[in-house]
Amino acid sequence: MRNRSKLTLVTNNPNLKTYYVPLARIEVSLHPVKAYNFEDAIWKANNGRCEPSCKSFVLEETYTNEAYERTYVPTDALFAREIQHYELDIKDLRNESRKPKLL
């Protein structure tokens, strides 16, 4: 007599429903701009007249408190929600380019 496996595939369970869980990733880059004042700097940046980024920030959500039953979710609900659990990676790109490269 053979022992039957007690494991079952979860995907075959007819009682399971599909939910859609948002996990956000936000990236911000800081670009130096030579300008006379704040308004001039903003105008130049909006018109592509800035230098390559010197610092970057990446926020990646690790746990979420939200779940949706449909893929249609108002965008304000997705982008205005509170992110409580995240990892933050900050890179100073000016110092990265000056570091000696290992061979």
Protein backbone atom coordinates (compact mmCIF):
# COMPACT_ATOMS: atom_id res chain seq x y z
CA MET A 1 0.00 0.00 0.00
CA ARG A 2 1.35 3.36 -1.02
CA ASN A 3 1.19 6.43 1.20
CA ARG A 4 -0.77 9.22 -0.44
CA SER A 5 0.68 12.70 -0.38
CA LYS A 6 -1.03 15.01 2.10
CA LEU A 7 0.00 18.10 0.14
CA THR A 8 -2.44 19.74 -2.23
CA LEU A 9 -1.87 22.49 -4.74
CA VAL A 10 -3.20 25.83 -3.58
CA THR A 11 -4.04 26.84 -7.15
CA ASN A 12 -6.61 24.03 -7.34
CA ASN A 13 -8.52 25.33 -4.31
CA PRO A 14 -11.91 26.62 -5.60
CA ASN A 15 -12.46 28.70 -2.43
CA LEU A 16 -9.62 31.12 -3.17
CA LYS A 17 -10.32 34.55 -4.68
CA THR A 18 -7.84 36.78 -6.49
CA TYR A 19 -6.84 40.04 -4.80
CA TYR A 20 -4.57 42.78 -6.13
CA VAL A 21 -1.99 44.15 -3.71
CA PRO A 22 -0.09 47.38 -4.43
CA LEU A 23 3.64 47.58 -3.64
CA ALA A 24 5.08 50.99 -4.48
CA ARG A 25 8.53 51.93 -5.73
CA ILE A 26 9.31 55.65 -5.85
CA GLU A 27 12.52 57.07 -7.30
CA VAL A 28 13.64 60.69 -6.96
CA SER A 29 16.74 62.19 -8.57
CA LEU A 30 18.33 65.53 -7.63
CA HIS A 31 19.80 67.52 -10.54
CA PRO A 32 22.04 70.57 -10.13
CA VAL A 33 20.86 73.69 -11.99
CA LYS A 34 22.76 76.97 -12.28
CA ALA A 35 20.18 79.75 -11.85
CA TYR A 36 19.57 83.21 -10.42
CA ASN A 37 16.69 82.16 -8.11
CA PHE A 38 14.24 79.32 -7.33
CA GLU A 39 11.83 80.23 -10.14
CA ASP A 40 14.66 80.37 -12.68
CA ALA A 41 15.97 76.97 -11.49
CA ILE A 42 12.52 75.40 -11.78
CA TRP A 43 11.98 76.90 -15.25
CA LYS A 44 15.36 75.62 -16.47
CA ALA A 45 14.80 72.14 -15.04
CA ASN A 46 11.34 71.91 -16.61
CA ASN A 47 12.90 72.82 -19.96
CA GLY A 48 15.65 70.19 -19.68
CA ARG A 49 18.43 72.62 -18.83
CA CYS A 50 19.93 70.81 -15.86
CA GLU A 51 23.00 68.68 -15.26
CA PRO A 52 22.95 64.89 -14.76
CA SER A 53 21.63 63.77 -11.38
CA CYS A 54 23.97 64.05 -8.42
CA LYS A 55 21.91 62.16 -5.82
CA SER A 56 19.16 59.54 -5.98
CA PHE A 57 16.58 58.31 -3.49
CA VAL A 58 14.70 55.04 -3.99
CA LEU A 59 11.85 54.14 -1.64
CA GLU A 60 10.62 50.56 -2.00
CA GLU A 61 7.56 49.39 -0.09
CA THR A 62 8.21 46.08 1.69
CA TYR A 63 4.79 45.43 3.28
CA THR A 64 1.38 46.78 2.37
CA ASN A 65 -1.86 47.39 4.24
CA GLU A 66 -4.05 47.47 1.13
CA ALA A 67 -5.70 44.91 -1.12
CA TYR A 68 -8.23 45.37 -3.92
CA GLU A 69 -10.71 42.98 -5.51
CA ARG A 70 -10.37 44.53 -8.99
CA THR A 71 -7.58 46.03 -11.04
CA TYR A 72 -9.58 49.22 -11.46
CA VAL A 73 -8.47 51.40 -8.57
CA PRO A 74 -8.71 55.20 -8.66
CA THR A 75 -5.20 56.59 -9.08
CA ASP A 76 -5.59 58.88 -6.09
CA ALA A 77 -6.21 55.79 -3.94
CA LEU A 78 -2.98 54.23 -5.20
CA PHE A 79 -0.75 57.28 -4.90
CA ALA A 80 -2.22 59.03 -1.86
CA ARG A 81 -2.15 56.03 0.46
CA GLU A 82 0.17 55.78 3.44
CA ILE A 83 3.33 53.70 3.05
CA GLN A 84 4.38 52.44 6.47
CA HIS A 85 6.95 49.73 5.75
CA TYR A 86 9.70 50.50 3.28
CA GLU A 87 13.40 50.38 2.49
CA LEU A 88 15.18 53.56 1.49
CA ASP A 89 18.30 53.57 -0.66
CA ILE A 90 20.19 56.88 -0.96
CA LYS A 91 23.10 57.24 -3.36
CA ASP A 92 25.42 60.20 -3.74
CA LEU A 93 26.24 59.89 -7.43
CA ARG A 94 28.99 62.50 -7.41
CA ASN A 95 31.03 60.46 -4.90
CA GLU A 96 30.25 57.22 -6.77
CA SER A 97 32.04 58.45 -9.88
CA ARG A 98 35.13 59.53 -7.92
CA LYS A 99 35.66 56.20 -6.17
CA PRO A 100 38.48 54.08 -7.58
CA LYS A 101 37.21 51.07 -9.46
CA LEU A 102 38.32 47.65 -8.23
CA LEU A 103 39.96 45.37 -10.77
